[in-house]
């Protein structure tokens, strides 16, 4: 049996530059030709495998009751990709929880659903789950950097802001879903992995997510975004801008018609932005536990 590995996209959404640019926010090394990077956390020991997140873990990635969101989503439809620019923060996390900002594309419902996520996350290196190459599925093709690469520098409160661009898009010829970060095509999820997503996505979302373990009977202090509410605005609150989607023709559109979904606005909230030249964008996040977020 011959296994086919696609080394670069055979098609791009219309208007996307095929030229690969050097990443600005990631480490300035790259692997030798023909090799790919595998990032290990400081606690990782040679020969010791990371335990994938499973239903037996305390914080189950599929257990929605522990997860809180501040996000926007497009209406139910046919999507062949999505993109955005995220400004990068390092929110405080506690008790093995995580905080992330992401694009989320999915298809199907309940146990029949498939989903893909990409963005940045903060978890103090305590849990790696299946966000790296030690779990099967994603095919790394770039030798510049890979999933779980460390982002630096990060945005500063009332100071300089730093961003990363992220695309998830479907290659029309191969059917694979490609991931591009800072104009570098990192690799792809083979279409053979999916049932519902093998054809297209029907929901696209952008936003922040945290896990709330609810220890000691109160809400977590894990932060989302910058750890500040969206009402504080630019350079203080976290934002996601230039949110776009790809239609079945391969054209890229601004996501003008989106609806907001916020789990607990007293803990983490979301507000549409009005900064010129930022496209469709919003501010989101919050500090978690407070006298209002119990």
C-alpha atoms as a PDB file:
ATOM      1  CA  UNK A   1       0.000   0.000   0.000  1.00  0.00           C
ATOM      2  CA  UNK A   2       1.305   3.446  -0.935  1.00  0.00           C
ATOM      3  CA  UNK A   3       0.627   6.288   1.516  1.00  0.00           C
ATOM      4  CA  UNK A   4       0.323   9.719  -0.059  1.00  0.00           C
ATOM      5  CA  UNK A   5       1.640  12.727   1.858  1.00  0.00           C
ATOM      6  CA  UNK A   6       0.740  16.133   0.449  1.00  0.00           C
ATOM      7  CA  UNK A   7       3.714  18.467   0.952  1.00  0.00           C
ATOM      8  CA  UNK A   8       2.040  21.730  -0.042  1.00  0.00           C
ATOM      9  CA  UNK A   9      -1.491  22.900  -0.842  1.00  0.00           C
ATOM     10  CA  UNK A  10      -2.648  22.290  -4.402  1.00  0.00           C
ATOM     11  CA  UNK A  11      -5.140  25.150  -4.159  1.00  0.00           C
ATOM     12  CA  UNK A  12      -5.649  28.311  -2.108  1.00  0.00           C
ATOM     13  CA  UNK A  13      -8.723  30.419  -1.370  1.00  0.00           C
ATOM     14  CA  UNK A  14      -9.041  33.299  -3.821  1.00  0.00           C
ATOM     15  CA  UNK A  15      -7.015  36.296  -2.718  1.00  0.00           C
ATOM     16  CA  UNK A  16      -4.749  34.356  -0.353  1.00  0.00           C
ATOM     17  CA  UNK A  17      -1.077  34.845  -1.068  1.00  0.00           C
ATOM     18  CA  UNK A  18       0.682  31.587  -1.937  1.00  0.00           C
ATOM     19  CA  UNK A  19       4.048  33.158  -1.087  1.00  0.00           C
ATOM     20  CA  UNK A  20       5.478  31.885   2.177  1.00  0.00           C
ATOM     21  CA  UNK A  21       6.782  34.651   4.418  1.00  0.00           C
ATOM     22  CA  UNK A  22       9.065  34.291   7.404  1.00  0.00           C
ATOM     23  CA  UNK A  23       7.118  34.154  10.687  1.00  0.00           C
ATOM     24  CA  UNK A  24       7.656  37.160  12.914  1.00  0.00           C
ATOM     25  CA  UNK A  25       6.394  35.890  16.258  1.00  0.00           C
ATOM     26  CA  UNK A  26       7.903  32.442  16.558  1.00  0.00           C
ATOM     27  CA  UNK A  27      11.354  31.189  17.454  1.00  0.00           C
ATOM     28  CA  UNK A  28      14.014  32.025  14.862  1.00  0.00           C
ATOM     29  CA  UNK A  29      15.164  28.471  14.215  1.00  0.00           C
ATOM     30  CA  UNK A  30      14.045  25.874  11.740  1.00  0.00           C
ATOM     31  CA  UNK A  31      14.658  22.172  11.213  1.00  0.00           C
ATOM     32  CA  UNK A  32      16.834  20.584   8.560  1.00  0.00           C
ATOM     33  CA  UNK A  33      15.296  19.889   5.171  1.00  0.00           C
ATOM     34  CA  UNK A  34      13.175  16.751   5.323  1.00  0.00           C
ATOM     35  CA  UNK A  35      12.527  17.003   9.068  1.00  0.00           C
ATOM     36  CA  UNK A  36       9.799  18.630  11.140  1.00  0.00           C
ATOM     37  CA  UNK A  37       9.803  20.190  14.628  1.00  0.00           C
ATOM     38  CA  UNK A  38       8.283  18.458  17.644  1.00  0.00           C
ATOM     39  CA  UNK A  39       7.873  20.774  20.627  1.00  0.00           C
ATOM     40  CA  UNK A  40       8.119  19.271  24.108  1.00  0.00           C
ATOM     41  CA  UNK A  41       7.094  20.936  27.352  1.00  0.00           C
ATOM     42  CA  UNK A  42       9.785  21.496  30.042  1.00  0.00           C
ATOM     43  CA  UNK A  43       8.373  18.580  32.041  1.00  0.00           C
ATOM     44  CA  UNK A  44       8.594  16.197  29.073  1.00  0.00           C
ATOM     45  CA  UNK A  45      11.197  13.456  29.462  1.00  0.00           C
ATOM     46  CA  UNK A  46      12.698  11.490  26.613  1.00  0.00           C
ATOM     47  CA  UNK A  47      10.690   8.332  26.021  1.00  0.00           C
ATOM     48  CA  UNK A  48       7.780   9.537  28.149  1.00  0.00           C
ATOM     49  CA  UNK A  49       4.568   9.976  26.199  1.00  0.00           C
ATOM     50  CA  UNK A  50       2.032  12.684  26.867  1.00  0.00           C
ATOM     51  CA  UNK A  51      -1.345  11.354  27.961  1.00  0.00           C
ATOM     52  CA  UNK A  52      -4.076  12.412  25.533  1.00  0.00           C
ATOM     53  CA  UNK A  53      -7.102  14.049  27.125  1.00  0.00           C
ATOM     54  CA  UNK A  54      -9.698  11.361  27.719  1.00  0.00           C
ATOM     55  CA  UNK A  55     -13.072  10.983  29.492  1.00  0.00           C
ATOM     56  CA  UNK A  56     -11.229   9.764  32.590  1.00  0.00           C
ATOM     57  CA  UNK A  57      -9.276  13.011  33.028  1.00  0.00           C
ATOM     58  CA  UNK A  58     -10.567  15.506  35.568  1.00  0.00           C
ATOM     59  CA  UNK A  59     -10.851  18.234  32.938  1.00  0.00           C
ATOM     60  CA  UNK A  60     -12.345  16.453  29.940  1.00  0.00           C
ATOM     61  CA  UNK A  61     -11.951  18.445  26.724  1.00  0.00           C
ATOM     62  CA  UNK A  62     -15.282  17.104  25.515  1.00  0.00           C
ATOM     63  CA  UNK A  63     -17.182  17.919  28.704  1.00  0.00           C
ATOM     64  CA  UNK A  64     -18.895  21.190  27.811  1.00  0.00           C
ATOM     65  CA  UNK A  65     -20.144  21.815  31.349  1.00  0.00           C
ATOM     66  CA  UNK A  66     -16.579  22.700  32.419  1.00  0.00           C
ATOM     67  CA  UNK A  67     -15.991  25.007  29.460  1.00  0.00           C
ATOM     68  CA  UNK A  68     -16.903  28.677  29.160  1.00  0.00           C
ATOM     69  CA  UNK A  69     -16.870  30.750  25.977  1.00  0.00           C
ATOM     70  CA  UNK A  70     -16.984  34.292  24.663  1.00  0.00           C
ATOM     71  CA  UNK A  71     -17.284  33.947  20.905  1.00  0.00           C
ATOM     72  CA  UNK A  72     -19.020  34.913  17.694  1.00  0.00           C
ATOM     73  CA  UNK A  73     -20.333  32.457  15.108  1.00  0.00           C
ATOM     74  CA  UNK A  74     -21.589  32.584  11.565  1.00  0.00           C
ATOM     75  CA  UNK A  75     -25.050  31.364  10.656  1.00  0.00           C
ATOM     76  CA  UNK A  76     -25.499  27.723   9.683  1.00  0.00           C
ATOM     77  CA  UNK A  77     -24.141  27.388   6.157  1.00  0.00           C
ATOM     78  CA  UNK A  78     -21.459  25.932   3.896  1.00  0.00           C
ATOM     79  CA  UNK A  79     -17.925  26.936   4.862  1.00  0.00           C
ATOM     80  CA  UNK A  80     -14.618  25.907   3.321  1.00  0.00           C
ATOM     81  CA  UNK A  81     -12.310  27.789   5.627  1.00  0.00           C
ATOM     82  CA  UNK A  82     -11.927  30.650   8.101  1.00  0.00           C
ATOM     83  CA  UNK A  83      -9.251  33.114   9.157  1.00  0.00           C
ATOM     84  CA  UNK A  84      -8.478  35.837  11.702  1.00  0.00           C
ATOM     85  CA  UNK A  85      -5.718  37.831  13.358  1.00  0.00           C
ATOM     86  CA  UNK A  86      -5.326  37.288  17.115  1.00  0.00           C
ATOM     87  CA  UNK A  87      -3.400  39.530  19.442  1.00  0.00           C
ATOM     88  CA  UNK A  88      -1.339  37.368  21.760  1.00  0.00           C
ATOM     89  CA  UNK A  89      -1.495  37.323  25.559  1.00  0.00           C
ATOM     90  CA  UNK A  90      -0.434  35.054  28.390  1.00  0.00           C
ATOM     91  CA  UNK A  91      -3.490  34.767  30.639  1.00  0.00           C
ATOM     92  CA  UNK A  92      -2.982  33.277  34.083  1.00  0.00           C
ATOM     93  CA  UNK A  93      -4.273  29.707  34.443  1.00  0.00           C
ATOM     94  CA  UNK A  94      -4.770  27.574  37.559  1.00  0.00           C
ATOM     95  CA  UNK A  95      -5.523  23.996  38.665  1.00  0.00           C
ATOM     96  CA  UNK A  96      -4.446  22.390  35.374  1.00  0.00           C
ATOM     97  CA  UNK A  97      -6.949  24.511  33.428  1.00  0.00           C
ATOM     98  CA  UNK A  98      -6.336  26.243  30.094  1.00  0.00           C
ATOM     99  CA  UNK A  99      -7.264  29.471  28.350  1.00  0.00           C
ATOM    100  CA  UNK A 100      -7.238  29.862  24.595  1.00  0.00           C
ATOM    101  CA  UNK A 101      -8.225  31.972  21.600  1.00  0.00           C
ATOM    102  CA  UNK A 102      -9.255  30.102  18.501  1.00  0.00           C
ATOM    103  CA  UNK A 103     -10.967  29.634  15.194  1.00  0.00           C
ATOM    104  CA  UNK A 104     -13.367  26.708  15.432  1.00  0.00           C
ATOM    105  CA  UNK A 105     -14.923  25.040  12.378  1.00  0.00           C
ATOM    106  CA  UNK A 106     -17.296  22.125  12.739  1.00  0.00           C
ATOM    107  CA  UNK A 107     -19.881  19.966  11.031  1.00  0.00           C
ATOM    108  CA  UNK A 108     -22.559  17.634  12.343  1.00  0.00           C
ATOM    109  CA  UNK A 109     -24.219  17.414  15.739  1.00  0.00           C
ATOM    110  CA  UNK A 110     -23.580  15.704  19.068  1.00  0.00           C
ATOM    111  CA  UNK A 111     -21.642  12.470  18.864  1.00  0.00           C
ATOM    112  CA  UNK A 112     -21.708  12.745  15.065  1.00  0.00           C
ATOM    113  CA  UNK A 113     -19.866  16.075  14.980  1.00  0.00           C
ATOM    114  CA  UNK A 114     -16.347  16.793  13.700  1.00  0.00           C
ATOM    115  CA  UNK A 115     -14.395  19.933  14.571  1.00  0.00           C
ATOM    116  CA  UNK A 116     -11.048  21.626  13.947  1.00  0.00           C
ATOM    117  CA  UNK A 117      -9.528  24.367  16.118  1.00  0.00           C
ATOM    118  CA  UNK A 118      -6.480  26.596  15.743  1.00  0.00           C
ATOM    119  CA  UNK A 119      -5.173  29.626  17.631  1.00  0.00           C
ATOM    120  CA  UNK A 120      -3.120  30.151  20.784  1.00  0.00           C
ATOM    121  CA  UNK A 121      -3.438  28.774  24.297  1.00  0.00           C
ATOM    122  CA  UNK A 122      -2.038  29.237  27.782  1.00  0.00           C
ATOM    123  CA  UNK A 123      -1.842  26.441  30.327  1.00  0.00           C
ATOM    124  CA  UNK A 124       1.453  26.894  32.154  1.00  0.00           C
ATOM    125  CA  UNK A 125       2.814  23.772  30.383  1.00  0.00           C
ATOM    126  CA  UNK A 126       0.798  21.623  32.758  1.00  0.00           C
ATOM    127  CA  UNK A 127      -1.295  19.855  30.122  1.00  0.00           C
ATOM    128  CA  UNK A 128      -0.481  19.219  26.507  1.00  0.00           C
ATOM    129  CA  UNK A 129      -3.373  16.954  25.605  1.00  0.00           C
ATOM    130  CA  UNK A 130      -3.670  16.497  21.871  1.00  0.00           C
ATOM    131  CA  UNK A 131      -2.507  19.951  20.825  1.00  0.00           C
ATOM    132  CA  UNK A 132       0.831  18.708  19.472  1.00  0.00           C
ATOM    133  CA  UNK A 133       2.354  16.092  17.132  1.00  0.00           C
ATOM    134  CA  UNK A 134       2.428  13.335  19.764  1.00  0.00           C
ATOM    135  CA  UNK A 135      -1.217  12.593  19.025  1.00  0.00           C
ATOM    136  CA  UNK A 136      -2.172  11.271  15.566  1.00  0.00           C
ATOM    137  CA  UNK A 137      -4.056  13.185  12.899  1.00  0.00           C
ATOM    138  CA  UNK A 138      -2.319  16.407  11.884  1.00  0.00           C
ATOM    139  CA  UNK A 139       0.362  15.981   9.197  1.00  0.00           C
ATOM    140  CA  UNK A 140       3.246  18.422   9.688  1.00  0.00           C
ATOM    141  CA  UNK A 141       4.894  19.603   6.440  1.00  0.00           C
ATOM    142  CA  UNK A 142       6.731  22.805   7.421  1.00  0.00           C
ATOM    143  CA  UNK A 143      10.213  22.677   8.937  1.00  0.00           C
ATOM    144  CA  UNK A 144       9.922  26.220  10.344  1.00  0.00           C
ATOM    145  CA  UNK A 145       7.692  25.633  13.371  1.00  0.00           C
ATOM    146  CA  UNK A 146       4.793  23.460  14.400  1.00  0.00           C
ATOM    147  CA  UNK A 147       1.808  23.030  16.707  1.00  0.00           C
ATOM    148  CA  UNK A 148       2.601  24.022  20.305  1.00  0.00           C
ATOM    149  CA  UNK A 149       5.413  26.372  19.247  1.00  0.00           C
ATOM    150  CA  UNK A 150       6.089  29.122  21.778  1.00  0.00           C
ATOM    151  CA  UNK A 151       4.843  32.560  20.745  1.00  0.00           C
ATOM    152  CA  UNK A 152       6.901  35.613  21.661  1.00  0.00           C
ATOM    153  CA  UNK A 153       6.740  38.475  22.291  1.00  0.00           C
ATOM    154  CA  UNK A 154       3.282  38.820  23.817  1.00  0.00           C
ATOM    155  CA  UNK A 155       1.046  41.870  24.064  1.00  0.00           C
ATOM    156  CA  UNK A 156       1.485  44.186  27.041  1.00  0.00           C
ATOM    157  CA  UNK A 157      -1.325  45.850  28.976  1.00  0.00           C
ATOM    158  CA  UNK A 158      -1.519  49.495  27.795  1.00  0.00           C
ATOM    159  CA  UNK A 159       1.617  48.784  25.734  1.00  0.00           C
ATOM    160  CA  UNK A 160       2.708  47.179  22.474  1.00  0.00           C
ATOM    161  CA  UNK A 161       0.356  44.705  20.846  1.00  0.00           C
ATOM    162  CA  UNK A 162       1.544  41.613  18.965  1.00  0.00           C
ATOM    163  CA  UNK A 163      -0.528  39.479  16.624  1.00  0.00           C
ATOM    164  CA  UNK A 164      -0.582  36.194  14.759  1.00  0.00           C
ATOM    165  CA  UNK A 165      -2.578  35.340  11.649  1.00  0.00           C
ATOM    166  CA  UNK A 166      -4.344  31.977  11.408  1.00  0.00           C
ATOM    167  CA  UNK A 167      -6.096  30.263   8.501  1.00  0.00           C
ATOM    168  CA  UNK A 168      -7.882  26.939   8.293  1.00  0.00           C
ATOM    169  CA  UNK A 169      -8.917  26.195   4.707  1.00  0.00           C
ATOM    170  CA  UNK A 170      -9.922  23.270   2.555  1.00  0.00           C
ATOM    171  CA  UNK A 171      -7.758  22.281  -0.397  1.00  0.00           C
ATOM    172  CA  UNK A 172     -10.288  21.802  -3.194  1.00  0.00           C
ATOM    173  CA  UNK A 173      -8.192  19.210  -5.011  1.00  0.00           C
ATOM    174  CA  UNK A 174      -7.000  16.966  -2.177  1.00  0.00           C
ATOM    175  CA  UNK A 175      -9.897  17.621   0.217  1.00  0.00           C
ATOM    176  CA  UNK A 176      -7.449  18.089   3.103  1.00  0.00           C
ATOM    177  CA  UNK A 177      -7.890  20.890   5.644  1.00  0.00           C
ATOM    178  CA  UNK A 178      -4.730  23.038   5.753  1.00  0.00           C
ATOM    179  CA  UNK A 179      -3.445  25.162   8.620  1.00  0.00           C
ATOM    180  CA  UNK A 180      -1.527  28.375   7.877  1.00  0.00           C
ATOM    181  CA  UNK A 181       0.005  30.528  10.625  1.00  0.00           C
ATOM    182  CA  UNK A 182       1.828  33.817   9.926  1.00  0.00           C
ATOM    183  CA  UNK A 183       1.778  33.029   6.190  1.00  0.00           C
ATOM    184  CA  UNK A 184       3.455  29.640   6.638  1.00  0.00           C
ATOM    185  CA  UNK A 185       1.573  26.482   5.611  1.00  0.00           C
ATOM    186  CA  UNK A 186       2.278  24.246   8.607  1.00  0.00           C
ATOM    187  CA  UNK A 187       0.492  21.098   7.465  1.00  0.00           C
ATOM    188  CA  UNK A 188      -2.955  19.586   7.206  1.00  0.00           C
ATOM    189  CA  UNK A 189      -5.630  17.347   8.652  1.00  0.00           C
ATOM    190  CA  UNK A 190      -6.318  14.604   6.062  1.00  0.00           C
ATOM    191  CA  UNK A 191      -9.906  14.508   4.828  1.00  0.00           C
ATOM    192  CA  UNK A 192      -9.904  10.765   5.613  1.00  0.00           C
ATOM    193  CA  UNK A 193      -9.981  11.599   9.341  1.00  0.00           C
ATOM    194  CA  UNK A 194     -13.493  12.971   9.109  1.00  0.00           C
ATOM    195  CA  UNK A 195     -17.035  11.957   8.383  1.00  0.00           C
ATOM    196  CA  UNK A 196     -18.972  15.236   8.528  1.00  0.00           C
ATOM    197  CA  UNK A 197     -16.001  17.526   7.801  1.00  0.00           C
ATOM    198  CA  UNK A 198     -14.811  15.457   4.853  1.00  0.00           C
ATOM    199  CA  UNK A 199     -16.952  17.658   2.605  1.00  0.00           C
ATOM    200  CA  UNK A 200     -17.406  21.069   4.251  1.00  0.00           C
ATOM    201  CA  UNK A 201     -18.052  22.816   7.572  1.00  0.00           C
ATOM    202  CA  UNK A 202     -21.484  24.087   8.545  1.00  0.00           C
ATOM    203  CA  UNK A 203     -20.473  26.286  11.520  1.00  0.00           C
ATOM    204  CA  UNK A 204     -17.545  28.674  11.983  1.00  0.00           C
ATOM    205  CA  UNK A 205     -16.754  30.424  15.282  1.00  0.00           C
ATOM    206  CA  UNK A 206     -14.079  32.764  16.637  1.00  0.00           C
ATOM    207  CA  UNK A 207     -13.419  33.556  20.282  1.00  0.00           C
ATOM    208  CA  UNK A 208     -12.021  32.655  23.668  1.00  0.00           C
ATOM    209  CA  UNK A 209     -12.491  29.547  25.792  1.00  0.00           C
ATOM    210  CA  UNK A 210     -11.463  28.502  29.305  1.00  0.00           C
ATOM    211  CA  UNK A 211     -11.926  25.471  31.532  1.00  0.00           C
ATOM    212  CA  UNK A 212     -13.522  26.097  34.922  1.00  0.00           C
ATOM    213  CA  UNK A 213     -12.849  23.231  37.324  1.00  0.00           C
ATOM    214  CA  UNK A 214     -14.975  24.872  40.052  1.00  0.00           C
ATOM    215  CA  UNK A 215     -12.638  23.821  42.834  1.00  0.00           C
ATOM    216  CA  UNK A 216     -13.561  24.836  46.388  1.00  0.00           C
ATOM    217  CA  UNK A 217     -17.082  25.551  45.199  1.00  0.00           C
ATOM    218  CA  UNK A 218     -16.279  28.782  43.399  1.00  0.00           C
ATOM    219  CA  UNK A 219     -15.501  29.969  39.910  1.00  0.00           C
ATOM    220  CA  UNK A 220     -11.928  29.690  38.645  1.00  0.00           C
ATOM    221  CA  UNK A 221      -9.527  32.647  38.549  1.00  0.00           C
ATOM    222  CA  UNK A 222      -8.193  31.466  35.188  1.00  0.00           C
ATOM    223  CA  UNK A 223      -8.187  34.454  32.867  1.00  0.00           C
ATOM    224  CA  UNK A 224      -9.467  34.701  29.316  1.00  0.00           C
ATOM    225  CA  UNK A 225      -7.662  36.870  26.752  1.00  0.00           C
ATOM    226  CA  UNK A 226      -5.735  39.649  28.494  1.00  0.00           C
ATOM    227  CA  UNK A 227      -7.558  39.002  31.758  1.00  0.00           C
ATOM    228  CA  UNK A 228      -9.471  42.270  31.322  1.00  0.00           C
ATOM    229  CA  UNK A 229     -13.020  42.906  30.172  1.00  0.00           C
ATOM    230  CA  UNK A 230     -13.686  44.050  26.588  1.00  0.00           C
ATOM    231  CA  UNK A 231     -15.040  47.353  27.866  1.00  0.00           C
ATOM    232  CA  UNK A 232     -11.432  48.446  28.524  1.00  0.00           C
ATOM    233  CA  UNK A 233     -10.821  48.488  24.758  1.00  0.00           C
ATOM    234  CA  UNK A 234      -7.710  48.556  22.615  1.00  0.00           C
ATOM    235  CA  UNK A 235      -4.287  47.793  24.178  1.00  0.00           C
ATOM    236  CA  UNK A 236      -5.986  46.554  27.338  1.00  0.00           C
ATOM    237  CA  UNK A 237      -8.525  43.949  26.258  1.00  0.00           C
ATOM    238  CA  UNK A 238      -7.791  41.026  23.955  1.00  0.00           C
ATOM    239  CA  UNK A 239      -9.169  41.205  20.410  1.00  0.00           C
ATOM    240  CA  UNK A 240      -9.669  39.070  17.321  1.00  0.00           C
ATOM    241  CA  UNK A 241      -9.788  41.008  14.063  1.00  0.00           C
ATOM    242  CA  UNK A 242     -10.209  40.536  10.325  1.00  0.00           C
ATOM    243  CA  UNK A 243     -12.520  37.591  10.905  1.00  0.00           C
ATOM    244  CA  UNK A 244     -13.324  36.008   7.552  1.00  0.00           C
ATOM    245  CA  UNK A 245     -14.642  32.820   6.004  1.00  0.00           C
ATOM    246  CA  UNK A 246     -14.181  30.960   2.703  1.00  0.00           C
ATOM    247  CA  UNK A 247     -17.216  30.023   0.595  1.00  0.00           C
ATOM    248  CA  UNK A 248     -17.652  27.085  -1.791  1.00  0.00           C
ATOM    249  CA  UNK A 249     -16.192  29.063  -4.709  1.00  0.00           C
ATOM    250  CA  UNK A 250     -12.998  29.660  -2.730  1.00  0.00           C
ATOM    251  CA  UNK A 251     -13.732  33.369  -2.224  1.00  0.00           C
ATOM    252  CA  UNK A 252     -12.847  35.002   1.108  1.00  0.00           C
ATOM    253  CA  UNK A 253     -15.518  37.170   2.776  1.00  0.00           C
ATOM    254  CA  UNK A 254     -15.682  39.358   5.863  1.00  0.00           C
ATOM    255  CA  UNK A 255     -17.849  37.643   8.496  1.00  0.00           C
ATOM    256  CA  UNK A 256     -20.373  40.479   8.707  1.00  0.00           C
ATOM    257  CA  UNK A 257     -23.351  38.425   9.879  1.00  0.00           C
ATOM    258  CA  UNK A 258     -22.333  36.814  13.152  1.00  0.00           C
ATOM    259  CA  UNK A 259     -24.106  36.273  16.449  1.00  0.00           C
ATOM    260  CA  UNK A 260     -22.542  36.473  19.890  1.00  0.00           C
ATOM    261  CA  UNK A 261     -22.425  33.659  22.433  1.00  0.00           C
ATOM    262  CA  UNK A 262     -21.168  34.382  25.957  1.00  0.00           C
ATOM    263  CA  UNK A 263     -21.443  31.736  28.685  1.00  0.00           C
ATOM    264  CA  UNK A 264     -21.036  33.986  31.759  1.00  0.00           C
ATOM    265  CA  UNK A 265     -20.715  37.713  30.939  1.00  0.00           C
ATOM    266  CA  UNK A 266     -20.041  38.497  34.591  1.00  0.00           C
ATOM    267  CA  UNK A 267     -16.837  36.436  34.269  1.00  0.00           C
ATOM    268  CA  UNK A 268     -15.851  36.859  30.608  1.00  0.00           C
ATOM    269  CA  UNK A 269     -17.573  39.078  28.092  1.00  0.00           C
ATOM    270  CA  UNK A 270     -17.467  40.130  24.443  1.00  0.00           C
ATOM    271  CA  UNK A 271     -18.015  43.429  22.642  1.00  0.00           C
ATOM    272  CA  UNK A 272     -17.891  44.354  18.959  1.00  0.00           C
ATOM    273  CA  UNK A 273     -15.071  46.776  18.061  1.00  0.00           C
ATOM    274  CA  UNK A 274     -14.979  49.867  15.850  1.00  0.00           C
ATOM    275  CA  UNK A 275     -11.273  50.376  15.100  1.00  0.00           C
ATOM    276  CA  UNK A 276     -10.707  51.602  11.496  1.00  0.00           C
ATOM    277  CA  UNK A 277      -8.962  49.135   9.151  1.00  0.00           C
ATOM    278  CA  UNK A 278      -9.379  46.218  11.571  1.00  0.00           C
ATOM    279  CA  UNK A 279     -12.150  44.603   9.551  1.00  0.00           C
ATOM    280  CA  UNK A 280     -14.818  42.721  11.455  1.00  0.00           C
ATOM    281  CA  UNK A 281     -13.447  42.445  14.977  1.00  0.00           C
ATOM    282  CA  UNK A 282     -14.360  42.196  18.631  1.00  0.00           C
ATOM    283  CA  UNK A 283     -12.859  42.451  22.097  1.00  0.00           C
ATOM    284  CA  UNK A 284     -13.334  39.608  24.548  1.00  0.00           C
ATOM    285  CA  UNK A 285     -12.160  38.124  27.843  1.00  0.00           C
ATOM    286  CA  UNK A 286     -12.132  38.783  31.551  1.00  0.00           C
ATOM    287  CA  UNK A 287     -10.487  37.960  34.900  1.00  0.00           C
ATOM    288  CA  UNK A 288     -12.661  35.085  36.057  1.00  0.00           C
ATOM    289  CA  UNK A 289     -13.449  34.930  39.783  1.00  0.00           C
ATOM    290  CA  UNK A 290     -14.592  38.207  41.384  1.00  0.00           C
ATOM    291  CA  UNK A 291     -17.371  39.525  43.621  1.00  0.00           C
ATOM    292  CA  UNK A 292     -19.682  39.213  40.572  1.00  0.00           C
ATOM    293  CA  UNK A 293     -18.199  36.041  39.084  1.00  0.00           C
ATOM    294  CA  UNK A 294     -18.711  33.496  41.859  1.00  0.00           C
END
